[in-house]
Amino acid sequence: MFFHPLHPSRLQSALSADKSARRSDSQSPMERWRYALRGLSGVVMLSVVAGLLAIVVALSFGLSTIWSVVAVVAAIFVAQAGWFALIVFENLRQQSLGGED
């Protein structure tokens, strides 16, 4: 039976494998916090860049204030969804490689 890479059962197994691999690591709690903050800082930075880019585009097209706000919110949402998709695909790639980096 063929399963699409984003099939819910594969996503769940990839996420649970990632969680169990992180728990079994001999990382200290401080290293785990650094790892989490690196990911968080990446998504925040991407959201800020996407928001600024949306403001520039909205101003260059002369959009009204309401449409400018809508463009910024949409850009931030798309940036965060893209970041999440990258994380999911990276987890699936690592799972297919047998957990190797």
PDB file of N, CA and C in Angstrom:
ATOM      1  N   MET A   1       0.841  -1.172   0.000  1.00  0.00           N
ATOM      2  CA  MET A   1       0.000   0.000   0.000  1.00  0.00           C
ATOM      3  C   MET A   1       0.892   1.243   0.000  1.00  0.00           C
ATOM      4  N   PHE A   2       0.559   2.206  -0.812  1.00  0.00           N
ATOM      5  CA  PHE A   2       1.368   3.419  -0.947  1.00  0.00           C
ATOM      6  C   PHE A   2       0.918   4.460   0.069  1.00  0.00           C
ATOM      7  N   PHE A   3       1.897   5.019   0.807  1.00  0.00           N
ATOM      8  CA  PHE A   3       1.612   6.091   1.747  1.00  0.00           C
ATOM      9  C   PHE A   3       2.295   7.356   1.271  1.00  0.00           C
ATOM     10  N   HIS A   4       1.551   8.429   1.236  1.00  0.00           N
ATOM     11  CA  HIS A   4       2.127   9.730   0.910  1.00  0.00           C
ATOM     12  C   HIS A   4       3.064  10.135   2.053  1.00  0.00           C
ATOM     13  N   PRO A   5       4.184  10.858   1.768  1.00  0.00           N
ATOM     14  CA  PRO A   5       5.116  11.249   2.833  1.00  0.00           C
ATOM     15  C   PRO A   5       4.458  12.049   3.952  1.00  0.00           C
ATOM     16  N   LEU A   6       3.360  12.747   3.657  1.00  0.00           N
ATOM     17  CA  LEU A   6       2.700  13.529   4.693  1.00  0.00           C
ATOM     18  C   LEU A   6       1.481  12.822   5.270  1.00  0.00           C
ATOM     19  N   HIS A   7       1.406  11.502   5.069  1.00  0.00           N
ATOM     20  CA  HIS A   7       0.314  10.730   5.636  1.00  0.00           C
ATOM     21  C   HIS A   7       0.362  10.869   7.159  1.00  0.00           C
ATOM     22  N   PRO A   8      -0.787  11.039   7.828  1.00  0.00           N
ATOM     23  CA  PRO A   8      -0.782  11.269   9.280  1.00  0.00           C
ATOM     24  C   PRO A   8      -0.018  10.224  10.078  1.00  0.00           C
ATOM     25  N   SER A   9      -0.069   8.961   9.669  1.00  0.00           N
ATOM     26  CA  SER A   9       0.653   7.938  10.427  1.00  0.00           C
ATOM     27  C   SER A   9       2.162   8.145  10.322  1.00  0.00           C
ATOM     28  N   ARG A  10       2.640   8.584   9.158  1.00  0.00           N
ATOM     29  CA  ARG A  10       4.074   8.846   9.008  1.00  0.00           C
ATOM     30  C   ARG A  10       4.492  10.079   9.792  1.00  0.00           C
ATOM     31  N   LEU A  11       3.660  11.119   9.761  1.00  0.00           N
ATOM     32  CA  LEU A  11       3.984  12.322  10.527  1.00  0.00           C
ATOM     33  C   LEU A  11       4.059  12.010  12.011  1.00  0.00           C
ATOM     34  N   GLN A  12       3.096  11.244  12.501  1.00  0.00           N
ATOM     35  CA  GLN A  12       3.080  10.914  13.918  1.00  0.00           C
ATOM     36  C   GLN A  12       4.297  10.066  14.293  1.00  0.00           C
ATOM     37  N   SER A  13       4.647   9.093  13.449  1.00  0.00           N
ATOM     38  CA  SER A  13       5.804   8.259  13.770  1.00  0.00           C
ATOM     39  C   SER A  13       7.098   9.062  13.693  1.00  0.00           C
ATOM     40  N   ALA A  14       7.168  10.022  12.756  1.00  0.00           N
ATOM     41  CA  ALA A  14       8.367  10.857  12.663  1.00  0.00           C
ATOM     42  C   ALA A  14       8.502  11.747  13.884  1.00  0.00           C
ATOM     43  N   LEU A  15       7.394  12.329  14.313  1.00  0.00           N
ATOM     44  CA  LEU A  15       7.453  13.202  15.486  1.00  0.00           C
ATOM     45  C   LEU A  15       7.746  12.414  16.760  1.00  0.00           C
ATOM     46  N   SER A  16       7.168  11.224  16.898  1.00  0.00           N
ATOM     47  CA  SER A  16       7.444  10.431  18.098  1.00  0.00           C
ATOM     48  C   SER A  16       8.876   9.905  18.085  1.00  0.00           C
ATOM     49  N   ALA A  17       9.403   9.559  16.904  1.00  0.00           N
ATOM     50  CA  ALA A  17      10.799   9.116  16.824  1.00  0.00           C
ATOM     51  C   ALA A  17      11.742  10.256  17.180  1.00  0.00           C
ATOM     52  N   ASP A  18      11.407  11.464  16.754  1.00  0.00           N
ATOM     53  CA  ASP A  18      12.235  12.621  17.073  1.00  0.00           C
ATOM     54  C   ASP A  18      12.213  12.898  18.565  1.00  0.00           C
ATOM     55  N   LYS A  19      11.030  12.808  19.179  1.00  0.00           N
ATOM     56  CA  LYS A  19      10.928  13.052  20.623  1.00  0.00           C
ATOM     57  C   LYS A  19      11.708  12.010  21.404  1.00  0.00           C
ATOM     58  N   SER A  20      11.580  10.729  21.023  1.00  0.00           N
ATOM     59  CA  SER A  20      12.292   9.690  21.766  1.00  0.00           C
ATOM     60  C   SER A  20      13.798   9.800  21.569  1.00  0.00           C
ATOM     61  N   ALA A  21      14.220  10.231  20.372  1.00  0.00           N
ATOM     62  CA  ALA A  21      15.657  10.413  20.141  1.00  0.00           C
ATOM     63  C   ALA A  21      16.194  11.554  20.984  1.00  0.00           C
ATOM     64  N   ARG A  22      15.433  12.612  21.125  1.00  0.00           N
ATOM     65  CA  ARG A  22      15.879  13.745  21.944  1.00  0.00           C
ATOM     66  C   ARG A  22      15.933  13.371  23.413  1.00  0.00           C
ATOM     67  N   ARG A  23      14.967  12.553  23.868  1.00  0.00           N
ATOM     68  CA  ARG A  23      14.960  12.145  25.273  1.00  0.00           C
ATOM     69  C   ARG A  23      16.125  11.230  25.579  1.00  0.00           C
ATOM     70  N   SER A  24      16.484  10.366  24.634  1.00  0.00           N
ATOM     71  CA  SER A  24      17.539   9.393  24.895  1.00  0.00           C
ATOM     72  C   SER A  24      18.925   9.998  24.780  1.00  0.00           C
ATOM     73  N   ASP A  25      19.021  11.195  24.210  1.00  0.00           N
ATOM     74  CA  ASP A  25      20.325  11.851  24.111  1.00  0.00           C
ATOM     75  C   ASP A  25      20.844  12.180  25.498  1.00  0.00           C
ATOM     76  N   SER A  26      22.155  12.277  25.583  1.00  0.00           N
ATOM     77  CA  SER A  26      22.765  12.613  26.870  1.00  0.00           C
ATOM     78  C   SER A  26      22.989  14.115  26.969  1.00  0.00           C
ATOM     79  N   GLN A  27      22.103  14.904  26.368  1.00  0.00           N
ATOM     80  CA  GLN A  27      22.228  16.350  26.418  1.00  0.00           C
ATOM     81  C   GLN A  27      21.786  16.863  27.780  1.00  0.00           C
ATOM     82  N   SER A  28      22.471  17.899  28.211  1.00  0.00           N
ATOM     83  CA  SER A  28      22.074  18.542  29.454  1.00  0.00           C
ATOM     84  C   SER A  28      20.835  19.387  29.202  1.00  0.00           C
ATOM     85  N   PRO A  29      20.109  19.747  30.260  1.00  0.00           N
ATOM     86  CA  PRO A  29      18.937  20.611  30.070  1.00  0.00           C
ATOM     87  C   PRO A  29      19.294  21.947  29.412  1.00  0.00           C
ATOM     88  N   MET A  30      20.496  22.476  29.680  1.00  0.00           N
ATOM     89  CA  MET A  30      20.902  23.748  29.075  1.00  0.00           C
ATOM     90  C   MET A  30      21.074  23.589  27.565  1.00  0.00           C
ATOM     91  N   GLU A  31      21.626  22.463  27.122  1.00  0.00           N
ATOM     92  CA  GLU A  31      21.787  22.227  25.685  1.00  0.00           C
ATOM     93  C   GLU A  31      20.428  22.084  25.011  1.00  0.00           C
ATOM     94  N   ARG A  32      19.490  21.471  25.691  1.00  0.00           N
ATOM     95  CA  ARG A  32      18.148  21.346  25.128  1.00  0.00           C
ATOM     96  C   ARG A  32      17.488  22.716  24.987  1.00  0.00           C
ATOM     97  N   TRP A  33      17.675  23.594  25.976  1.00  0.00           N
ATOM     98  CA  TRP A  33      17.131  24.948  25.890  1.00  0.00           C
ATOM     99  C   TRP A  33      17.761  25.702  24.738  1.00  0.00           C
ATOM    100  N   ARG A  34      19.063  25.559  24.553  1.00  0.00           N
ATOM    101  CA  ARG A  34      19.735  26.239  23.439  1.00  0.00           C
ATOM    102  C   ARG A  34      19.186  25.759  22.103  1.00  0.00           C
ATOM    103  N   TYR A  35      18.969  24.451  21.990  1.00  0.00           N
ATOM    104  CA  TYR A  35      18.413  23.887  20.759  1.00  0.00           C
ATOM    105  C   TYR A  35      17.019  24.457  20.489  1.00  0.00           C
ATOM    106  N   ALA A  36      16.184  24.524  21.523  1.00  0.00           N
ATOM    107  CA  ALA A  36      14.828  25.052  21.363  1.00  0.00           C
ATOM    108  C   ALA A  36      14.848  26.537  21.023  1.00  0.00           C
ATOM    109  N   LEU A  37      15.726  27.296  21.660  1.00  0.00           N
ATOM    110  CA  LEU A  37      15.799  28.735  21.389  1.00  0.00           C
ATOM    111  C   LEU A  37      16.322  29.017  19.993  1.00  0.00           C
ATOM    112  N   ARG A  38      17.232  28.169  19.493  1.00  0.00           N
ATOM    113  CA  ARG A  38      17.707  28.346  18.121  1.00  0.00           C
ATOM    114  C   ARG A  38      16.557  28.220  17.129  1.00  0.00           C
ATOM    115  N   GLY A  39      15.716  27.214  17.317  1.00  0.00           N
ATOM    116  CA  GLY A  39      14.555  27.046  16.446  1.00  0.00           C
ATOM    117  C   GLY A  39      13.564  28.179  16.588  1.00  0.00           C
ATOM    118  N   LEU A  40      13.349  28.625  17.819  1.00  0.00           N
ATOM    119  CA  LEU A  40      12.418  29.727  18.055  1.00  0.00           C
ATOM    120  C   LEU A  40      12.936  31.023  17.461  1.00  0.00           C
ATOM    121  N   SER A  41      14.227  31.280  17.615  1.00  0.00           N
ATOM    122  CA  SER A  41      14.778  32.519  17.065  1.00  0.00           C
ATOM    123  C   SER A  41      14.702  32.505  15.534  1.00  0.00           C
ATOM    124  N   GLY A  42      14.831  31.336  14.931  1.00  0.00           N
ATOM    125  CA  GLY A  42      14.721  31.229  13.481  1.00  0.00           C
ATOM    126  C   GLY A  42      13.324  31.580  12.985  1.00  0.00           C
ATOM    127  N   VAL A  43      12.312  31.058  13.657  1.00  0.00           N
ATOM    128  CA  VAL A  43      10.940  31.333  13.209  1.00  0.00           C
ATOM    129  C   VAL A  43      10.566  32.784  13.495  1.00  0.00           C
ATOM    130  N   VAL A  44      11.053  33.354  14.587  1.00  0.00           N
ATOM    131  CA  VAL A  44      10.769  34.762  14.876  1.00  0.00           C
ATOM    132  C   VAL A  44      11.447  35.652  13.834  1.00  0.00           C
ATOM    133  N   MET A  45      12.704  35.350  13.528  1.00  0.00           N
ATOM    134  CA  MET A  45      13.427  36.153  12.546  1.00  0.00           C
ATOM    135  C   MET A  45      12.756  36.053  11.169  1.00  0.00           C
ATOM    136  N   LEU A  46      12.352  34.854  10.789  1.00  0.00           N
ATOM    137  CA  LEU A  46      11.669  34.673   9.507  1.00  0.00           C
ATOM    138  C   LEU A  46      10.346  35.434   9.473  1.00  0.00           C
ATOM    139  N   SER A  47       9.615  35.430  10.585  1.00  0.00           N
ATOM    140  CA  SER A  47       8.349  36.156  10.653  1.00  0.00           C
ATOM    141  C   SER A  47       8.557  37.661  10.547  1.00  0.00           C
ATOM    142  N   VAL A  48       9.594  38.165  11.201  1.00  0.00           N
ATOM    143  CA  VAL A  48       9.874  39.604  11.131  1.00  0.00           C
ATOM    144  C   VAL A  48      10.245  40.009   9.710  1.00  0.00           C
ATOM    145  N   VAL A  49      11.099  39.219   9.072  1.00  0.00           N
ATOM    146  CA  VAL A  49      11.496  39.524   7.692  1.00  0.00           C
ATOM    147  C   VAL A  49      10.282  39.468   6.767  1.00  0.00           C
ATOM    148  N   ALA A  50       9.432  38.458   6.936  1.00  0.00           N
ATOM    149  CA  ALA A  50       8.239  38.340   6.093  1.00  0.00           C
ATOM    150  C   ALA A  50       7.290  39.521   6.326  1.00  0.00           C
ATOM    151  N   GLY A  51       7.146  39.937   7.577  1.00  0.00           N
ATOM    152  CA  GLY A  51       6.296  41.080   7.880  1.00  0.00           C
ATOM    153  C   GLY A  51       6.824  42.369   7.280  1.00  0.00           C
ATOM    154  N   LEU A  52       8.140  42.597   7.389  1.00  0.00           N
ATOM    155  CA  LEU A  52       8.733  43.798   6.804  1.00  0.00           C
ATOM    156  C   LEU A  52       8.609  43.804   5.280  1.00  0.00           C
ATOM    157  N   LEU A  53       8.828  42.640   4.683  1.00  0.00           N
ATOM    158  CA  LEU A  53       8.685  42.534   3.235  1.00  0.00           C
ATOM    159  C   LEU A  53       7.243  42.815   2.802  1.00  0.00           C
ATOM    160  N   ALA A  54       6.287  42.319   3.582  1.00  0.00           N
ATOM    161  CA  ALA A  54       4.883  42.580   3.262  1.00  0.00           C
ATOM    162  C   ALA A  54       4.557  44.067   3.386  1.00  0.00           C
ATOM    163  N   ILE A  55       5.138  44.745   4.367  1.00  0.00           N
ATOM    164  CA  ILE A  55       4.914  46.188   4.512  1.00  0.00           C
ATOM    165  C   ILE A  55       5.464  46.934   3.304  1.00  0.00           C
ATOM    166  N   VAL A  56       6.677  46.571   2.886  1.00  0.00           N
ATOM    167  CA  VAL A  56       7.284  47.228   1.728  1.00  0.00           C
ATOM    168  C   VAL A  56       6.439  47.009   0.481  1.00  0.00           C
ATOM    169  N   VAL A  57       5.994  45.781   0.266  1.00  0.00           N
ATOM    170  CA  VAL A  57       5.169  45.483  -0.911  1.00  0.00           C
ATOM    171  C   VAL A  57       3.836  46.225  -0.834  1.00  0.00           C
ATOM    172  N   ALA A  58       3.217  46.235   0.349  1.00  0.00           N
ATOM    173  CA  ALA A  58       1.931  46.913   0.501  1.00  0.00           C
ATOM    174  C   ALA A  58       2.069  48.412   0.254  1.00  0.00           C
ATOM    175  N   LEU A  59       3.146  49.009   0.753  1.00  0.00           N
ATOM    176  CA  LEU A  59       3.351  50.445   0.543  1.00  0.00           C
ATOM    177  C   LEU A  59       3.671  50.756  -0.923  1.00  0.00           C
ATOM    178  N   SER A  60       4.427  49.869  -1.557  1.00  0.00           N
ATOM    179  CA  SER A  60       4.784  50.132  -2.951  1.00  0.00           C
ATOM    180  C   SER A  60       3.568  50.034  -3.876  1.00  0.00           C
ATOM    181  N   PHE A  61       2.592  49.212  -3.508  1.00  0.00           N
ATOM    182  CA  PHE A  61       1.372  49.114  -4.306  1.00  0.00           C
ATOM    183  C   PHE A  61       0.313  50.107  -3.850  1.00  0.00           C
ATOM    184  N   GLY A  62       0.604  50.894  -2.815  1.00  0.00           N
ATOM    185  CA  GLY A  62      -0.338  51.904  -2.338  1.00  0.00           C
ATOM    186  C   GLY A  62      -1.590  51.321  -1.724  1.00  0.00           C
ATOM    187  N   LEU A  63      -1.457  50.203  -1.020  1.00  0.00           N
ATOM    188  CA  LEU A  63      -2.622  49.589  -0.396  1.00  0.00           C
ATOM    189  C   LEU A  63      -3.065  50.387   0.822  1.00  0.00           C
ATOM    190  N   SER A  64      -4.333  50.289   1.152  1.00  0.00           N
ATOM    191  CA  SER A  64      -4.854  50.982   2.329  1.00  0.00           C
ATOM    192  C   SER A  64      -4.318  50.314   3.596  1.00  0.00           C
ATOM    193  N   THR A  65      -4.562  50.933   4.727  1.00  0.00           N
ATOM    194  CA  THR A  65      -4.052  50.436   6.005  1.00  0.00           C
ATOM    195  C   THR A  65      -4.588  49.045   6.323  1.00  0.00           C
ATOM    196  N   ILE A  66      -5.859  48.831   6.078  1.00  0.00           N
ATOM    197  CA  ILE A  66      -6.463  47.531   6.390  1.00  0.00           C
ATOM    198  C   ILE A  66      -5.821  46.432   5.555  1.00  0.00           C
ATOM    199  N   TRP A  67      -5.646  46.673   4.252  1.00  0.00           N
ATOM    200  CA  TRP A  67      -5.042  45.657   3.396  1.00  0.00           C
ATOM    201  C   TRP A  67      -3.567  45.462   3.723  1.00  0.00           C
ATOM    202  N   SER A  68      -2.905  46.501   4.210  1.00  0.00           N
ATOM    203  CA  SER A  68      -1.509  46.364   4.625  1.00  0.00           C
ATOM    204  C   SER A  68      -1.401  45.445   5.836  1.00  0.00           C
ATOM    205  N   VAL A  69      -2.316  45.606   6.780  1.00  0.00           N
ATOM    206  CA  VAL A  69      -2.332  44.744   7.966  1.00  0.00           C
ATOM    207  C   VAL A  69      -2.628  43.307   7.567  1.00  0.00           C
ATOM    208  N   VAL A  70      -3.588  43.126   6.668  1.00  0.00           N
ATOM    209  CA  VAL A  70      -3.917  41.778   6.186  1.00  0.00           C
ATOM    210  C   VAL A  70      -2.706  41.148   5.502  1.00  0.00           C
ATOM    211  N   ALA A  71      -1.982  41.932   4.703  1.00  0.00           N
ATOM    212  CA  ALA A  71      -0.795  41.406   4.013  1.00  0.00           C
ATOM    213  C   ALA A  71       0.291  41.004   5.004  1.00  0.00           C
ATOM    214  N   VAL A  72       0.495  41.792   6.052  1.00  0.00           N
ATOM    215  CA  VAL A  72       1.510  41.466   7.058  1.00  0.00           C
ATOM    216  C   VAL A  72       1.134  40.194   7.806  1.00  0.00           C
ATOM    217  N   VAL A  73      -0.110  40.093   8.238  1.00  0.00           N
ATOM    218  CA  VAL A  73      -0.552  38.901   8.961  1.00  0.00           C
ATOM    219  C   VAL A  73      -0.446  37.659   8.077  1.00  0.00           C
ATOM    220  N   ALA A  74      -0.839  37.786   6.829  1.00  0.00           N
ATOM    221  CA  ALA A  74      -0.746  36.647   5.904  1.00  0.00           C
ATOM    222  C   ALA A  74       0.711  36.245   5.675  1.00  0.00           C
ATOM    223  N   ALA A  75       1.587  37.225   5.527  1.00  0.00           N
ATOM    224  CA  ALA A  75       3.003  36.911   5.306  1.00  0.00           C
ATOM    225  C   ALA A  75       3.607  36.211   6.511  1.00  0.00           C
ATOM    226  N   ILE A  76       3.264  36.658   7.702  1.00  0.00           N
ATOM    227  CA  ILE A  76       3.779  36.014   8.913  1.00  0.00           C
ATOM    228  C   ILE A  76       3.233  34.592   9.031  1.00  0.00           C
ATOM    229  N   PHE A  77       1.955  34.404   8.736  1.00  0.00           N
ATOM    230  CA  PHE A  77       1.356  33.076   8.800  1.00  0.00           C
ATOM    231  C   PHE A  77       2.016  32.125   7.805  1.00  0.00           C
ATOM    232  N   VAL A  78       2.226  32.581   6.586  1.00  0.00           N
ATOM    233  CA  VAL A  78       2.870  31.749   5.568  1.00  0.00           C
ATOM    234  C   VAL A  78       4.308  31.420   5.965  1.00  0.00           C
ATOM    235  N   ALA A  79       5.022  32.392   6.538  1.00  0.00           N
ATOM    236  CA  ALA A  79       6.399  32.148   6.963  1.00  0.00           C
ATOM    237  C   ALA A  79       6.455  31.092   8.061  1.00  0.00           C
ATOM    238  N   GLN A  80       5.552  31.163   9.026  1.00  0.00           N
ATOM    239  CA  GLN A  80       5.547  30.180  10.105  1.00  0.00           C
ATOM    240  C   GLN A  80       5.120  28.807   9.604  1.00  0.00           C
ATOM    241  N   ALA A  81       4.168  28.758   8.685  1.00  0.00           N
ATOM    242  CA  ALA A  81       3.751  27.472   8.107  1.00  0.00           C
ATOM    243  C   ALA A  81       4.905  26.858   7.316  1.00  0.00           C
ATOM    244  N   GLY A  82       5.636  27.691   6.594  1.00  0.00           N
ATOM    245  CA  GLY A  82       6.804  27.194   5.863  1.00  0.00           C
ATOM    246  C   GLY A  82       7.876  26.674   6.790  1.00  0.00           C
ATOM    247  N   TRP A  83       8.085  27.364   7.894  1.00  0.00           N
ATOM    248  CA  TRP A  83       9.084  26.921   8.877  1.00  0.00           C
ATOM    249  C   TRP A  83       8.680  25.564   9.460  1.00  0.00           C
ATOM    250  N   PHE A  84       7.401  25.408   9.792  1.00  0.00           N
ATOM    251  CA  PHE A  84       6.915  24.137  10.319  1.00  0.00           C
ATOM    252  C   PHE A  84       7.080  23.022   9.292  1.00  0.00           C
ATOM    253  N   ALA A  85       6.796  23.333   8.029  1.00  0.00           N
ATOM    254  CA  ALA A  85       6.950  22.330   6.974  1.00  0.00           C
ATOM    255  C   ALA A  85       8.412  21.907   6.837  1.00  0.00           C
ATOM    256  N   LEU A  86       9.330  22.855   6.954  1.00  0.00           N
ATOM    257  CA  LEU A  86      10.752  22.504   6.899  1.00  0.00           C
ATOM    258  C   LEU A  86      11.139  21.567   8.037  1.00  0.00           C
ATOM    259  N   ILE A  87      10.621  21.813   9.225  1.00  0.00           N
ATOM    260  CA  ILE A  87      10.919  20.957  10.370  1.00  0.00           C
ATOM    261  C   ILE A  87      10.368  19.551  10.135  1.00  0.00           C
ATOM    262  N   VAL A  88       9.137  19.464   9.641  1.00  0.00           N
ATOM    263  CA  VAL A  88       8.523  18.152   9.394  1.00  0.00           C
ATOM    264  C   VAL A  88       9.309  17.394   8.328  1.00  0.00           C
ATOM    265  N   PHE A  89       9.663  18.068   7.226  1.00  0.00           N
ATOM    266  CA  PHE A  89      10.411  17.389   6.169  1.00  0.00           C
ATOM    267  C   PHE A  89      11.797  16.977   6.649  1.00  0.00           C
ATOM    268  N   GLU A  90      12.434  17.778   7.502  1.00  0.00           N
ATOM    269  CA  GLU A  90      13.740  17.403   8.041  1.00  0.00           C
ATOM    270  C   GLU A  90      13.620  16.175   8.942  1.00  0.00           C
ATOM    271  N   ASN A  91      12.556  16.111   9.741  1.00  0.00           N
ATOM    272  CA  ASN A  91      12.333  14.933  10.578  1.00  0.00           C
ATOM    273  C   ASN A  91      12.097  13.693   9.721  1.00  0.00           C
ATOM    274  N   LEU A  92      11.324  13.847   8.647  1.00  0.00           N
ATOM    275  CA  LEU A  92      11.084  12.704   7.754  1.00  0.00           C
ATOM    276  C   LEU A  92      12.364  12.270   7.046  1.00  0.00           C
ATOM    277  N   ARG A  93      13.194  13.240   6.665  1.00  0.00           N
ATOM    278  CA  ARG A  93      14.451  12.910   6.003  1.00  0.00           C
ATOM    279  C   ARG A  93      15.374  12.167   6.956  1.00  0.00           C
ATOM    280  N   GLN A  94      15.459  12.638   8.191  1.00  0.00           N
ATOM    281  CA  GLN A  94      16.316  11.958   9.160  1.00  0.00           C
ATOM    282  C   GLN A  94      15.806  10.564   9.463  1.00  0.00           C
ATOM    283  N   GLN A  95      14.486  10.412   9.502  1.00  0.00           N
ATOM    284  CA  GLN A  95      13.923   9.091   9.750  1.00  0.00           C
ATOM    285  C   GLN A  95      14.240   8.143   8.598  1.00  0.00           C
ATOM    286  N   SER A  96      14.158   8.643   7.368  1.00  0.00           N
ATOM    287  CA  SER A  96      14.436   7.780   6.219  1.00  0.00           C
ATOM    288  C   SER A  96      15.912   7.416   6.134  1.00  0.00           C
ATOM    289  N   LEU A  97      16.785   8.259   6.688  1.00  0.00           N
ATOM    290  CA  LEU A  97      18.222   7.963   6.704  1.00  0.00           C
ATOM    291  C   LEU A  97      18.621   7.132   7.913  1.00  0.00           C
ATOM    292  N   GLY A  98      17.678   6.787   8.734  1.00  0.00           N
ATOM    293  CA  GLY A  98      17.985   5.976   9.898  1.00  0.00           C
ATOM    294  C   GLY A  98      18.492   6.789  11.073  1.00  0.00           C
ATOM    295  N   GLY A  99      18.149   8.061  11.136  1.00  0.00           N
ATOM    296  CA  GLY A  99      18.525   8.886  12.261  1.00  0.00           C
ATOM    297  C   GLY A  99      19.879   9.549  12.145  1.00  0.00           C
ATOM    298  N   GLU A 100      20.539   9.390  10.984  1.00  0.00           N
ATOM    299  CA  GLU A 100      21.846  10.000  10.809  1.00  0.00           C
ATOM    300  C   GLU A 100      21.693  11.474  10.522  1.00  0.00           C
ATOM    301  N   ASP A 101      22.728  12.269  10.843  1.00  0.00           N
ATOM    302  CA  ASP A 101      22.704  13.705  10.548  1.00  0.00           C
ATOM    303  C   ASP A 101      23.103  13.958   9.129  1.00  0.00           C
TER     304      ASP A 101
END
